[in-house]
Amino acid sequence: QVQLVESGGGLVQPGGSLRLSCAASGSIFSINAIGWYRQAPGKERELVATIGSSLNYADSVKGRFTISRDNAKNLVYLQMNSLKPEDTAVYYCYVRATGYLDYWGQGTQVTVSS
């Protein structure tokens, strides 16, 4: 089992920045990939960025968002710059563990609005 707790969401104006954090605990050794998904109202959950054997970004966030990982602290971050209203969503931390087991955090709301 892997437990994930997100933090750092909030309200920001267009063009602003936010940094999301995700703390992982439990069976950390089993993690193969970790990252972020998001879900906007009325839309399906979509990949934002993940770190596994490689970095993977959604086209819509390339050049604006950066994912990073602190293995010593079992943390993963999502630095979001040049935010747009269409980035408004609930952001979920995600882990793919050994055996193709998927774990999700509870989500953190990001709202981009003037």
Protein backbone atom coordinates (compact mmCIF):
# COMPACT_ATOMS: atom_id res chain seq x y z
CA GLN A 1 0.00 0.00 0.00
CA VAL A 2 1.09 3.54 -0.80
CA GLN A 3 -0.45 6.59 0.81
CA LEU A 4 -0.34 9.96 -0.94
CA VAL A 5 -1.11 13.40 0.49
CA GLU A 6 -1.17 16.48 -1.75
CA SER A 7 -0.78 20.10 -0.74
CA GLY A 8 -0.25 23.49 -2.35
CA GLY A 9 -3.40 24.10 -4.31
CA GLY A 10 -5.31 27.36 -4.24
CA LEU A 11 -6.54 30.37 -6.18
CA VAL A 12 -4.14 32.18 -8.49
CA GLN A 13 -4.50 34.81 -11.19
CA PRO A 14 -3.77 33.99 -14.84
CA GLY A 15 -0.04 34.13 -15.46
CA GLY A 16 0.73 33.25 -11.86
CA SER A 17 2.52 30.28 -10.33
CA LEU A 18 1.81 27.53 -7.84
CA ARG A 19 3.80 24.59 -6.55
CA LEU A 20 2.04 21.38 -5.62
CA SER A 21 3.61 18.83 -3.30
CA CYS A 22 2.84 15.17 -2.76
CA ALA A 23 4.12 13.18 0.19
CA ALA A 24 4.30 9.43 -0.32
CA SER A 25 4.41 6.89 2.49
CA GLY A 26 3.99 3.17 2.92
CA SER A 27 5.49 0.74 0.41
CA ILE A 28 7.75 3.32 -1.22
CA PHE A 29 10.09 0.64 -2.56
CA SER A 30 7.33 -0.59 -4.88
CA ILE A 31 6.89 2.71 -6.75
CA ASN A 32 7.67 2.49 -10.46
CA ALA A 33 6.28 5.86 -11.49
CA ILE A 34 4.90 8.89 -9.67
CA GLY A 35 3.28 12.02 -10.91
CA TRP A 36 0.18 14.15 -11.38
CA TYR A 37 -3.17 13.92 -13.08
CA ARG A 38 -5.96 16.48 -13.12
CA GLN A 39 -9.71 16.53 -13.61
CA ALA A 40 -11.69 19.60 -14.60
CA PRO A 41 -15.47 19.80 -14.10
CA GLY A 42 -17.28 17.74 -16.71
CA LYS A 43 -14.07 16.31 -18.11
CA GLU A 44 -12.18 13.06 -17.76
CA ARG A 45 -9.10 12.76 -15.60
CA GLU A 46 -5.98 13.45 -17.66
CA LEU A 47 -2.25 13.02 -17.27
CA VAL A 48 -0.28 16.15 -16.39
CA ALA A 49 3.23 14.85 -15.73
CA THR A 50 4.90 11.70 -14.46
CA ILE A 51 8.38 10.51 -13.52
CA GLY A 52 9.22 6.88 -14.11
CA SER A 53 11.91 5.54 -16.37
CA SER A 54 11.49 8.89 -18.14
CA LEU A 55 9.74 12.22 -17.77
CA ASN A 56 6.35 12.53 -19.39
CA TYR A 57 4.35 15.74 -19.84
CA ALA A 58 1.00 16.51 -21.38
CA ASP A 59 1.43 18.72 -24.46
CA SER A 60 -0.78 21.37 -22.86
CA VAL A 61 1.67 21.94 -19.98
CA LYS A 62 5.06 21.50 -21.68
CA GLY A 63 7.27 24.49 -21.09
CA ARG A 64 5.09 25.73 -18.23
CA PHE A 65 5.02 22.90 -15.68
CA THR A 66 7.97 21.06 -14.17
CA ILE A 67 7.81 17.83 -12.21
CA SER A 68 10.56 16.92 -9.77
CA ARG A 69 11.17 14.32 -7.12
CA ASP A 70 13.02 14.29 -3.80
CA ASN A 71 13.70 10.62 -3.16
CA ALA A 72 15.26 11.24 0.24
CA LYS A 73 12.04 12.84 1.49
CA ASN A 74 9.61 10.77 -0.60
CA LEU A 75 8.19 13.92 -2.12
CA VAL A 76 7.17 14.83 -5.64
CA TYR A 77 6.54 18.39 -6.76
CA LEU A 78 4.73 20.06 -9.62
CA GLN A 79 5.90 23.59 -10.31
CA MET A 80 3.23 25.33 -12.38
CA ASN A 81 4.11 28.61 -14.10
CA SER A 82 2.23 30.82 -16.54
CA LEU A 83 -1.04 29.36 -15.32
CA LYS A 84 -4.11 29.66 -17.52
CA PRO A 85 -7.83 29.47 -16.67
CA GLU A 86 -7.96 26.13 -18.49
CA ASP A 87 -5.53 24.72 -15.91
CA THR A 88 -8.32 24.95 -13.34
CA ALA A 89 -8.94 21.44 -12.02
CA VAL A 90 -8.53 19.10 -9.11
CA TYR A 91 -4.96 17.83 -9.22
CA TYR A 92 -4.28 14.29 -8.04
CA CYS A 93 -1.00 12.73 -7.06
CA TYR A 94 -0.58 9.32 -8.66
CA VAL A 95 1.64 6.29 -8.18
CA ARG A 96 2.07 3.21 -10.32
CA ALA A 97 3.50 0.48 -8.12
CA THR A 98 4.86 -2.98 -8.80
CA GLY A 99 2.17 -5.28 -10.15
CA TYR A 100 0.48 -2.43 -12.02
CA LEU A 101 -1.17 -1.22 -8.82
CA ASP A 102 -2.37 2.39 -8.99
CA TYR A 103 -2.72 4.69 -6.00
CA TRP A 104 -4.26 8.16 -5.83
CA GLY A 105 -4.19 11.05 -3.43
CA GLN A 106 -7.32 12.85 -2.29
CA GLY A 107 -6.77 15.72 -4.72
CA THR A 108 -6.09 19.43 -4.34
CA GLN A 109 -8.05 22.19 -6.07
CA VAL A 110 -6.26 24.61 -8.36
CA THR A 111 -8.30 27.57 -9.58
CA VAL A 112 -6.91 30.06 -12.08
CA SER A 113 -9.10 33.13 -12.24
CA SER A 114 -8.93 36.89 -12.14
